[in-house]
N, C-alpha and C. Protein backbone atom coordinates (compact mmCIF):
# COMPACT_ATOMS: atom_id res chain seq x y z
N MET A 1 8.85 15.42 20.16
CA MET A 1 7.91 14.34 19.99
C MET A 1 7.01 14.64 18.74
N PHE A 2 6.74 15.84 18.49
CA PHE A 2 5.91 16.21 17.38
C PHE A 2 6.47 15.75 16.04
N ILE A 3 7.78 15.89 15.86
CA ILE A 3 8.43 15.42 14.62
C ILE A 3 8.36 13.91 14.46
N ILE A 4 8.40 13.19 15.64
CA ILE A 4 8.27 11.70 15.53
C ILE A 4 6.89 11.34 14.97
N ILE A 5 5.84 12.00 15.45
CA ILE A 5 4.54 11.72 15.00
C ILE A 5 4.31 12.13 13.55
N THR A 6 4.68 13.38 13.21
CA THR A 6 4.36 13.90 11.87
C THR A 6 5.28 13.35 10.79
N GLU A 7 6.56 13.09 11.12
CA GLU A 7 7.43 12.68 10.02
C GLU A 7 7.81 11.22 10.01
N LEU A 8 7.47 10.49 11.06
CA LEU A 8 7.80 9.04 11.06
C LEU A 8 6.52 8.23 11.22
N LEU A 9 5.68 8.55 12.13
CA LEU A 9 4.53 7.70 12.35
C LEU A 9 3.34 7.95 11.41
N ASP A 10 3.19 9.15 10.99
CA ASP A 10 2.02 9.55 10.10
C ASP A 10 2.32 9.25 8.64
N LYS A 11 3.54 9.05 8.30
CA LYS A 11 3.92 8.77 6.88
C LYS A 11 4.47 7.39 6.68
N GLN A 12 4.30 6.95 5.43
CA GLN A 12 4.87 5.61 5.08
C GLN A 12 6.30 5.77 4.67
N GLY A 13 7.06 4.72 4.95
CA GLY A 13 8.49 4.72 4.57
C GLY A 13 9.23 3.64 5.32
N LEU A 14 10.04 4.01 6.29
CA LEU A 14 10.71 3.02 7.06
C LEU A 14 9.68 2.15 7.85
N LEU A 15 8.68 2.91 8.32
CA LEU A 15 7.54 2.24 9.03
C LEU A 15 6.35 2.30 8.12
N ILE A 16 5.57 1.23 8.07
CA ILE A 16 4.34 1.20 7.27
C ILE A 16 3.12 0.82 8.14
N ASN A 17 1.99 1.29 7.77
CA ASN A 17 0.79 0.97 8.56
C ASN A 17 0.18 -0.34 8.10
N GLU A 18 -0.91 -0.75 8.73
CA GLU A 18 -1.51 -2.03 8.48
C GLU A 18 -2.05 -2.17 7.01
N ASP A 19 -2.69 -1.07 6.54
CA ASP A 19 -3.18 -1.09 5.16
C ASP A 19 -2.10 -1.26 4.14
N VAL A 20 -0.93 -0.63 4.30
CA VAL A 20 0.19 -0.76 3.35
C VAL A 20 0.81 -2.13 3.55
N LEU A 21 0.86 -2.62 4.74
CA LEU A 21 1.41 -3.98 4.97
C LEU A 21 0.57 -5.01 4.19
N ALA A 22 -0.72 -4.93 4.33
CA ALA A 22 -1.63 -5.86 3.61
C ALA A 22 -1.42 -5.70 2.12
N ALA A 23 -1.36 -4.46 1.63
CA ALA A 23 -1.15 -4.24 0.22
C ALA A 23 0.17 -4.88 -0.28
N ARG A 24 1.22 -4.64 0.44
CA ARG A 24 2.51 -5.21 0.02
C ARG A 24 2.58 -6.74 0.06
N LEU A 25 1.72 -7.33 0.86
CA LEU A 25 1.66 -8.81 0.91
C LEU A 25 0.60 -9.28 -0.06
N GLY A 26 -0.14 -8.37 -0.76
CA GLY A 26 -1.10 -8.77 -1.73
C GLY A 26 -2.41 -9.22 -1.16
N ILE A 27 -2.70 -8.90 0.11
CA ILE A 27 -3.87 -9.45 0.81
C ILE A 27 -4.97 -8.44 0.90
N ASP A 28 -6.27 -8.92 0.73
CA ASP A 28 -7.42 -8.11 1.00
C ASP A 28 -7.76 -8.41 2.50
N LYS A 29 -7.31 -7.59 3.32
CA LYS A 29 -7.40 -7.90 4.77
C LYS A 29 -8.87 -7.93 5.26
N THR A 30 -9.73 -7.16 4.63
CA THR A 30 -11.17 -7.07 5.06
C THR A 30 -11.90 -8.41 4.81
N SER A 31 -11.47 -9.16 3.87
CA SER A 31 -12.17 -10.42 3.60
C SER A 31 -11.31 -11.67 3.85
N SER A 32 -10.25 -11.48 4.70
CA SER A 32 -9.34 -12.53 5.05
C SER A 32 -9.40 -12.92 6.50
N PRO A 33 -10.11 -14.02 6.90
CA PRO A 33 -10.23 -14.39 8.29
C PRO A 33 -8.81 -14.66 8.91
N ASP A 34 -7.86 -15.07 8.11
CA ASP A 34 -6.50 -15.38 8.68
C ASP A 34 -5.63 -14.16 8.80
N TRP A 35 -6.14 -12.93 8.47
CA TRP A 35 -5.33 -11.71 8.57
C TRP A 35 -4.71 -11.53 9.97
N GLU A 36 -5.46 -11.70 10.96
CA GLU A 36 -4.92 -11.49 12.39
C GLU A 36 -3.81 -12.53 12.65
N LEU A 37 -3.94 -13.81 12.24
CA LEU A 37 -2.91 -14.82 12.35
C LEU A 37 -1.64 -14.36 11.59
N LEU A 38 -1.83 -13.85 10.45
CA LEU A 38 -0.67 -13.45 9.66
C LEU A 38 0.01 -12.27 10.35
N LYS A 39 -0.68 -11.36 10.93
CA LYS A 39 -0.09 -10.22 11.61
C LYS A 39 0.70 -10.76 12.82
N GLN A 40 0.22 -11.76 13.47
CA GLN A 40 0.92 -12.39 14.66
C GLN A 40 2.22 -12.97 14.12
N SER A 41 2.22 -13.61 12.95
CA SER A 41 3.41 -14.15 12.39
C SER A 41 4.48 -13.03 12.09
N LEU A 42 4.00 -11.83 11.90
CA LEU A 42 4.87 -10.72 11.59
C LEU A 42 5.15 -9.83 12.87
N SER A 43 4.89 -10.40 14.04
CA SER A 43 5.10 -9.63 15.22
C SER A 43 6.55 -9.20 15.46
N THR A 44 7.51 -9.93 14.93
CA THR A 44 8.92 -9.53 15.12
C THR A 44 9.20 -8.28 14.29
N ALA A 45 8.37 -7.95 13.27
CA ALA A 45 8.60 -6.75 12.47
C ALA A 45 7.79 -5.55 12.97
N GLN A 46 6.97 -5.78 14.02
CA GLN A 46 6.11 -4.66 14.53
C GLN A 46 6.96 -3.65 15.32
N TYR A 47 6.61 -2.33 15.05
CA TYR A 47 7.21 -1.25 15.77
C TYR A 47 6.69 -1.28 17.24
N THR A 48 7.64 -1.18 18.17
CA THR A 48 7.28 -1.16 19.57
C THR A 48 7.85 0.03 20.30
N GLY A 49 8.19 1.07 19.55
CA GLY A 49 8.73 2.30 20.15
C GLY A 49 7.65 3.21 20.70
N VAL A 50 8.05 4.45 20.92
CA VAL A 50 7.18 5.44 21.47
C VAL A 50 5.91 5.61 20.58
N PHE A 51 4.80 5.73 21.24
CA PHE A 51 3.44 5.85 20.61
C PHE A 51 2.98 4.67 19.79
N TYR A 52 3.63 3.50 19.95
CA TYR A 52 3.31 2.36 19.19
C TYR A 52 1.81 1.92 19.32
N GLU A 53 1.23 2.16 20.50
CA GLU A 53 -0.15 1.84 20.71
C GLU A 53 -1.10 2.63 19.90
N GLY A 54 -0.80 3.87 19.66
CA GLY A 54 -1.67 4.81 18.87
C GLY A 54 -1.42 4.71 17.40
N TRP A 55 -0.25 4.23 17.02
CA TRP A 55 0.13 4.12 15.59
C TRP A 55 0.73 2.73 15.36
N PRO A 56 -0.14 1.73 15.15
CA PRO A 56 0.42 0.41 14.89
C PRO A 56 1.19 0.45 13.52
N LYS A 57 2.45 0.07 13.56
CA LYS A 57 3.31 0.13 12.35
C LYS A 57 4.18 -1.13 12.39
N TRP A 58 4.79 -1.32 11.18
CA TRP A 58 5.74 -2.41 11.00
C TRP A 58 6.98 -1.86 10.29
N TRP A 59 8.14 -2.34 10.71
CA TRP A 59 9.37 -1.91 10.09
C TRP A 59 9.44 -2.65 8.76
N MET A 60 9.56 -1.91 7.69
CA MET A 60 9.57 -2.52 6.37
C MET A 60 10.73 -3.43 6.14
N HIS A 61 11.93 -3.07 6.60
CA HIS A 61 13.09 -3.91 6.38
C HIS A 61 12.95 -5.26 7.17
N LEU A 62 12.20 -5.27 8.26
CA LEU A 62 11.90 -6.53 9.02
C LEU A 62 10.86 -7.33 8.31
N VAL A 63 9.91 -6.67 7.67
CA VAL A 63 8.93 -7.41 6.84
C VAL A 63 9.64 -8.07 5.66
N ASP A 64 10.59 -7.38 5.02
CA ASP A 64 11.41 -8.03 3.98
C ASP A 64 12.17 -9.22 4.53
N ARG A 65 12.71 -9.11 5.67
CA ARG A 65 13.46 -10.23 6.29
C ARG A 65 12.55 -11.37 6.55
N TRP A 66 11.33 -11.09 7.10
CA TRP A 66 10.29 -12.13 7.34
C TRP A 66 9.97 -12.83 6.09
N TRP A 67 9.78 -12.10 5.01
CA TRP A 67 9.44 -12.64 3.70
C TRP A 67 10.52 -13.64 3.23
N THR A 68 11.76 -13.19 3.41
CA THR A 68 12.87 -14.02 2.95
C THR A 68 13.05 -15.29 3.80
N GLU A 69 13.00 -15.10 5.11
CA GLU A 69 13.29 -16.21 6.04
C GLU A 69 11.99 -17.08 6.34
N LYS A 70 10.93 -16.50 6.54
CA LYS A 70 9.74 -17.27 6.94
C LYS A 70 9.04 -17.90 5.70
N ILE A 71 8.92 -17.14 4.61
CA ILE A 71 8.24 -17.64 3.45
C ILE A 71 9.22 -18.43 2.56
N GLU A 72 10.55 -18.12 2.76
CA GLU A 72 11.58 -18.85 2.09
C GLU A 72 11.38 -18.95 0.56
N VAL A 73 11.11 -17.84 -0.03
CA VAL A 73 10.86 -17.84 -1.47
C VAL A 73 11.87 -16.87 -2.10
N ASN A 74 12.24 -17.19 -3.31
CA ASN A 74 13.24 -16.39 -3.97
C ASN A 74 12.58 -15.39 -4.90
N LEU A 75 11.58 -14.74 -4.40
CA LEU A 75 10.82 -13.77 -5.18
C LEU A 75 10.93 -12.39 -4.45
N SER A 76 11.06 -11.35 -5.20
CA SER A 76 11.06 -10.01 -4.57
C SER A 76 9.67 -9.66 -4.10
N LEU A 77 9.57 -9.19 -2.87
CA LEU A 77 8.29 -8.76 -2.34
C LEU A 77 7.74 -7.60 -3.14
N ARG A 78 8.61 -6.76 -3.68
CA ARG A 78 8.20 -5.55 -4.45
C ARG A 78 7.62 -5.89 -5.82
N SER A 79 8.19 -6.89 -6.53
CA SER A 79 7.84 -7.08 -7.89
C SER A 79 7.16 -8.39 -8.13
N THR A 80 6.46 -8.92 -7.16
CA THR A 80 5.73 -10.18 -7.31
C THR A 80 4.24 -9.85 -7.36
N PRO A 81 3.51 -10.39 -8.25
CA PRO A 81 2.02 -10.17 -8.27
C PRO A 81 1.39 -10.66 -6.95
N ALA A 82 0.25 -10.02 -6.66
CA ALA A 82 -0.43 -10.26 -5.36
C ALA A 82 -0.80 -11.77 -5.25
N SER A 83 -1.30 -12.36 -6.34
CA SER A 83 -1.78 -13.74 -6.29
C SER A 83 -0.60 -14.66 -5.94
N LYS A 84 0.57 -14.42 -6.46
CA LYS A 84 1.76 -15.25 -6.17
C LYS A 84 2.24 -15.09 -4.76
N LYS A 85 2.19 -13.83 -4.20
CA LYS A 85 2.53 -13.66 -2.81
C LYS A 85 1.61 -14.41 -1.88
N VAL A 86 0.30 -14.24 -2.15
CA VAL A 86 -0.68 -14.96 -1.29
C VAL A 86 -0.56 -16.46 -1.37
N GLU A 87 -0.27 -16.92 -2.56
CA GLU A 87 -0.09 -18.43 -2.80
C GLU A 87 1.09 -18.90 -1.98
N GLN A 88 2.15 -18.14 -1.95
CA GLN A 88 3.39 -18.53 -1.21
C GLN A 88 3.11 -18.50 0.33
N ILE A 89 2.46 -17.45 0.80
CA ILE A 89 2.14 -17.31 2.20
C ILE A 89 1.21 -18.44 2.64
N ARG A 90 0.16 -18.76 1.86
CA ARG A 90 -0.72 -19.85 2.19
C ARG A 90 0.06 -21.15 2.34
N ALA A 91 0.92 -21.38 1.33
CA ALA A 91 1.70 -22.68 1.28
C ALA A 91 2.61 -22.85 2.47
N LYS A 92 3.30 -21.75 2.86
CA LYS A 92 4.30 -21.85 3.94
C LYS A 92 3.72 -21.82 5.30
N LEU A 93 2.65 -21.04 5.51
CA LEU A 93 2.08 -20.81 6.85
C LEU A 93 0.77 -21.54 7.10
N ASN A 94 0.22 -22.19 6.07
CA ASN A 94 -1.03 -22.86 6.15
C ASN A 94 -2.19 -21.94 6.53
N PHE A 95 -2.16 -20.75 6.07
CA PHE A 95 -3.23 -19.77 6.22
C PHE A 95 -4.07 -19.84 4.96
N ASP A 96 -5.09 -20.69 4.95
CA ASP A 96 -5.91 -20.90 3.73
C ASP A 96 -6.95 -19.83 3.60
N LYS A 97 -7.17 -19.03 4.65
CA LYS A 97 -8.24 -18.05 4.60
C LYS A 97 -7.70 -16.65 4.43
N LEU A 98 -6.81 -16.54 3.40
CA LEU A 98 -6.29 -15.23 3.00
C LEU A 98 -6.81 -14.97 1.58
N GLU A 99 -7.38 -13.79 1.38
CA GLU A 99 -7.91 -13.48 0.05
C GLU A 99 -6.94 -12.52 -0.67
N VAL A 100 -6.83 -12.69 -1.97
CA VAL A 100 -5.94 -11.85 -2.75
C VAL A 100 -6.57 -10.52 -3.07
N ALA A 101 -5.85 -9.41 -2.81
CA ALA A 101 -6.33 -8.11 -3.13
C ALA A 101 -6.53 -7.96 -4.62
N GLN A 102 -7.56 -7.24 -5.02
CA GLN A 102 -7.87 -7.03 -6.45
C GLN A 102 -7.51 -5.65 -6.90
N ARG A 103 -7.20 -5.55 -8.17
CA ARG A 103 -6.84 -4.24 -8.73
C ARG A 103 -8.05 -3.33 -8.75
N ILE A 104 -7.76 -2.02 -8.67
CA ILE A 104 -8.78 -0.99 -8.80
C ILE A 104 -9.01 -0.84 -10.29
N ASP A 105 -10.27 -0.44 -10.69
CA ASP A 105 -10.54 -0.19 -12.08
C ASP A 105 -9.48 0.80 -12.70
N LYS A 106 -9.19 0.53 -13.92
CA LYS A 106 -8.19 1.31 -14.76
C LYS A 106 -6.78 1.08 -14.28
N SER A 107 -6.54 0.05 -13.43
CA SER A 107 -5.17 -0.28 -13.01
C SER A 107 -4.78 -1.55 -13.86
N VAL A 108 -3.47 -1.63 -14.07
CA VAL A 108 -3.06 -2.79 -14.87
C VAL A 108 -2.12 -3.71 -14.01
N SER A 109 -1.50 -3.24 -12.96
CA SER A 109 -0.62 -4.00 -12.13
C SER A 109 -1.18 -4.41 -10.85
N ASP A 110 -0.84 -5.61 -10.36
CA ASP A 110 -1.19 -6.06 -9.04
C ASP A 110 0.04 -6.30 -8.19
N GLU A 111 1.11 -5.55 -8.50
CA GLU A 111 2.28 -5.63 -7.72
C GLU A 111 2.19 -4.45 -6.70
N PHE A 112 1.23 -4.62 -5.79
CA PHE A 112 0.86 -3.53 -4.91
C PHE A 112 1.97 -3.17 -3.97
N TRP A 113 2.04 -1.82 -3.76
CA TRP A 113 3.10 -1.31 -2.87
C TRP A 113 2.61 -0.15 -1.99
N THR A 114 1.42 0.35 -2.30
CA THR A 114 0.95 1.50 -1.53
C THR A 114 -0.59 1.36 -1.48
N ILE A 115 -1.20 2.44 -1.01
CA ILE A 115 -2.68 2.47 -0.93
C ILE A 115 -3.18 3.70 -1.70
N CYS A 116 -4.27 3.49 -2.42
CA CYS A 116 -4.95 4.59 -3.08
C CYS A 116 -5.71 5.42 -2.03
N LYS A 117 -5.37 6.70 -1.92
CA LYS A 117 -6.03 7.57 -0.89
C LYS A 117 -7.51 7.78 -1.22
N GLY A 118 -7.98 7.53 -2.41
CA GLY A 118 -9.37 7.70 -2.75
C GLY A 118 -10.26 6.51 -2.35
N TYR A 119 -9.67 5.35 -2.51
CA TYR A 119 -10.49 4.14 -2.22
C TYR A 119 -9.89 3.35 -0.93
N ASN A 120 -8.75 3.76 -0.50
CA ASN A 120 -8.08 3.01 0.60
C ASN A 120 -7.97 1.56 0.25
N ARG A 121 -7.50 1.32 -0.99
CA ARG A 121 -7.29 -0.07 -1.49
C ARG A 121 -5.88 -0.16 -2.02
N PRO A 122 -5.34 -1.41 -2.12
CA PRO A 122 -4.00 -1.56 -2.70
C PRO A 122 -3.78 -1.03 -4.01
N LEU A 123 -2.59 -0.49 -4.27
CA LEU A 123 -2.27 0.16 -5.54
C LEU A 123 -0.78 0.01 -5.82
N ASP A 124 -0.48 -0.31 -7.04
CA ASP A 124 0.88 -0.21 -7.54
C ASP A 124 1.09 1.26 -7.93
N PRO A 125 2.17 1.91 -7.46
CA PRO A 125 2.38 3.33 -7.82
C PRO A 125 2.31 3.57 -9.30
N VAL A 126 2.63 2.61 -10.14
CA VAL A 126 2.60 2.90 -11.66
C VAL A 126 1.19 3.12 -12.08
N ASP A 127 0.19 2.72 -11.28
CA ASP A 127 -1.20 2.95 -11.64
C ASP A 127 -1.82 4.11 -10.90
N GLY A 128 -0.95 4.94 -10.28
CA GLY A 128 -1.45 6.09 -9.49
C GLY A 128 -0.87 7.41 -9.88
N LEU A 129 -1.42 8.41 -9.24
CA LEU A 129 -0.98 9.82 -9.43
C LEU A 129 -0.52 10.33 -8.07
N ILE A 130 0.63 10.96 -8.04
CA ILE A 130 1.11 11.55 -6.78
C ILE A 130 0.17 12.60 -6.34
N ILE A 131 -0.05 12.71 -5.07
CA ILE A 131 -0.95 13.70 -4.44
C ILE A 131 -0.20 14.97 -4.15
N GLN A 132 -0.82 16.12 -4.32
CA GLN A 132 -0.26 17.44 -4.06
C GLN A 132 0.18 17.60 -2.62
N GLY A 133 1.18 18.42 -2.40
CA GLY A 133 1.60 18.83 -1.03
C GLY A 133 2.64 17.92 -0.44
N GLN A 134 3.38 17.22 -1.25
CA GLN A 134 4.41 16.28 -0.76
C GLN A 134 5.83 16.69 -1.32
N ASP A 135 6.03 17.94 -1.48
CA ASP A 135 7.29 18.45 -2.08
C ASP A 135 8.54 18.23 -1.17
N ASN A 136 8.35 18.23 0.11
CA ASN A 136 9.53 18.22 0.97
C ASN A 136 9.58 16.93 1.86
N LEU A 137 9.39 15.79 1.18
CA LEU A 137 9.53 14.53 1.94
C LEU A 137 10.94 14.26 2.30
N TYR A 138 11.16 13.71 3.49
CA TYR A 138 12.46 13.20 3.92
C TYR A 138 12.77 11.99 3.05
N PRO A 139 14.09 11.65 2.97
CA PRO A 139 14.46 10.46 2.15
C PRO A 139 13.82 9.16 2.59
N TRP A 140 13.46 9.07 3.84
CA TRP A 140 12.85 7.81 4.30
C TRP A 140 11.31 7.74 4.07
N GLN A 141 10.75 8.78 3.57
CA GLN A 141 9.28 8.87 3.42
C GLN A 141 8.95 8.61 1.95
N GLU A 142 7.74 8.01 1.81
CA GLU A 142 7.28 7.65 0.43
C GLU A 142 6.07 8.56 0.13
N PRO A 143 5.94 8.95 -1.12
CA PRO A 143 4.76 9.78 -1.50
C PRO A 143 3.47 9.00 -1.36
N GLU A 144 2.36 9.72 -1.30
CA GLU A 144 1.04 9.10 -1.29
C GLU A 144 0.48 9.25 -2.66
N TYR A 145 -0.44 8.32 -3.03
CA TYR A 145 -0.99 8.24 -4.35
C TYR A 145 -2.57 8.14 -4.36
N VAL A 146 -3.12 8.48 -5.43
CA VAL A 146 -4.52 8.21 -5.73
C VAL A 146 -4.55 7.48 -7.00
N SER A 147 -5.48 6.50 -7.11
CA SER A 147 -5.54 5.72 -8.33
C SER A 147 -6.08 6.57 -9.48
N ILE A 148 -5.87 6.14 -10.64
CA ILE A 148 -6.38 6.84 -11.84
C ILE A 148 -7.90 6.94 -11.75
N ASP A 149 -8.54 5.83 -11.42
CA ASP A 149 -10.02 5.77 -11.29
C ASP A 149 -10.51 6.77 -10.29
N ALA A 150 -9.92 6.73 -9.07
CA ALA A 150 -10.37 7.64 -8.00
C ALA A 150 -10.14 9.12 -8.40
N ALA A 151 -9.01 9.40 -9.10
CA ALA A 151 -8.76 10.76 -9.49
C ALA A 151 -9.81 11.25 -10.50
N LEU A 152 -10.08 10.37 -11.48
CA LEU A 152 -11.06 10.76 -12.54
C LEU A 152 -12.45 10.92 -11.94
N LYS A 153 -12.76 10.10 -10.99
CA LYS A 153 -14.15 10.19 -10.38
C LYS A 153 -14.17 11.09 -9.10
N LYS A 154 -13.03 11.63 -8.74
CA LYS A 154 -12.89 12.44 -7.54
C LYS A 154 -13.41 11.80 -6.34
N LYS A 155 -13.15 10.49 -6.18
CA LYS A 155 -13.66 9.71 -5.09
C LYS A 155 -12.93 10.10 -3.79
N ASN A 156 -13.73 10.37 -2.76
CA ASN A 156 -13.20 10.74 -1.44
C ASN A 156 -12.12 11.75 -1.54
N ILE A 157 -12.41 12.79 -2.30
CA ILE A 157 -11.41 13.85 -2.57
C ILE A 157 -11.00 14.57 -1.25
N GLU A 158 -11.81 14.51 -0.24
CA GLU A 158 -11.48 15.10 1.03
C GLU A 158 -10.27 14.38 1.62
N ASN A 159 -10.01 13.18 1.25
CA ASN A 159 -8.86 12.43 1.78
C ASN A 159 -7.55 12.70 1.03
N TRP A 160 -7.67 13.31 -0.16
CA TRP A 160 -6.44 13.52 -0.93
C TRP A 160 -6.32 14.92 -1.58
N GLY A 161 -7.39 15.60 -1.76
CA GLY A 161 -7.28 17.03 -2.27
C GLY A 161 -7.14 17.09 -3.76
N GLN A 162 -5.92 17.08 -4.29
CA GLN A 162 -5.70 17.14 -5.73
C GLN A 162 -4.39 16.47 -6.06
N VAL A 163 -4.26 16.19 -7.31
CA VAL A 163 -2.99 15.59 -7.79
C VAL A 163 -1.87 16.65 -7.81
N ALA A 164 -0.63 16.18 -7.68
CA ALA A 164 0.49 17.07 -7.72
C ALA A 164 0.54 17.77 -9.07
N ASP A 165 1.15 18.96 -9.05
CA ASP A 165 1.27 19.81 -10.27
C ASP A 165 1.94 18.92 -11.40
N VAL A 166 2.89 18.21 -11.08
CA VAL A 166 3.62 17.42 -12.08
C VAL A 166 2.67 16.32 -12.75
N GLU A 167 1.60 15.99 -12.10
CA GLU A 167 0.67 15.01 -12.62
C GLU A 167 -0.58 15.57 -13.37
N LYS A 168 -0.77 16.89 -13.30
CA LYS A 168 -1.96 17.49 -13.83
C LYS A 168 -2.12 17.33 -15.34
N GLU A 169 -1.09 17.45 -16.09
CA GLU A 169 -1.13 17.35 -17.55
C GLU A 169 -1.50 15.84 -17.89
N TYR A 170 -0.91 14.91 -17.16
CA TYR A 170 -1.19 13.49 -17.35
C TYR A 170 -2.62 13.18 -17.00
N LEU A 171 -3.17 13.81 -15.94
CA LEU A 171 -4.57 13.58 -15.61
C LEU A 171 -5.50 14.11 -16.68
N GLU A 172 -5.15 15.24 -17.29
CA GLU A 172 -5.97 15.77 -18.42
C GLU A 172 -5.97 14.80 -19.57
N GLU A 173 -4.82 14.17 -19.86
CA GLU A 173 -4.71 13.20 -20.95
C GLU A 173 -5.60 11.98 -20.58
N LEU A 174 -5.60 11.55 -19.33
CA LEU A 174 -6.37 10.42 -18.92
C LEU A 174 -7.85 10.69 -19.02
N LYS A 175 -8.27 11.96 -18.80
CA LYS A 175 -9.68 12.29 -18.96
C LYS A 175 -10.18 12.10 -20.37
N VAL A 176 -9.29 12.33 -21.31
CA VAL A 176 -9.65 12.13 -22.74
C VAL A 176 -9.70 10.65 -23.03
N VAL A 177 -8.69 9.92 -22.57
CA VAL A 177 -8.62 8.44 -22.81
C VAL A 177 -9.86 7.71 -22.22
N PHE A 178 -10.24 8.10 -21.00
CA PHE A 178 -11.34 7.43 -20.28
C PHE A 178 -12.63 8.17 -20.30
N ARG A 179 -12.76 9.07 -21.32
CA ARG A 179 -14.03 9.85 -21.47
C ARG A 179 -15.14 8.82 -21.68
N PRO A 180 -16.27 9.03 -20.95
CA PRO A 180 -17.41 8.08 -21.15
C PRO A 180 -17.88 8.09 -22.65
N LYS A 181 -18.14 6.88 -23.07
CA LYS A 181 -18.69 6.71 -24.41
C LYS A 181 -20.14 7.14 -24.53
N LYS A 182 -20.43 7.76 -25.64
CA LYS A 182 -21.84 8.27 -25.87
C LYS A 182 -22.59 7.32 -26.73
């Protein structure tokens, strides 16, 4: 049972948590009154296996199917900007009270796919740095990221620790690029 919790339920990959679900749909769930209705629409994608009550998760392949069948749009969920995703969901489901997630400072993409561990906000991995300690991920697991802004400001560092060794040189370059102006 320990491996189910630590390697399947605690990590993103085949199963995703609510924050990652919202990010992948391009939604700011905290300011979206229709978020609970949208989650109900996604109930067929919800994980109902062992420990489901303690770890609410969604099967990503079923979220993709929901996107294709329910939203009926010919756009990739992975490479569509947040505003376009929310526009399509609003149009198909009549959920007018969904707010588009916004980019974190120093980010350029809003094709959100993960969460910044520093801000707990949506992030496209291209705008993030991999976090240290994820060397032995299983193939179904996805790495965790911190945004460039959170890494530079060391925001909520207790949630992420440090960037991976492979990212340290890049972080040093970013410190020069984003050095405060005098």
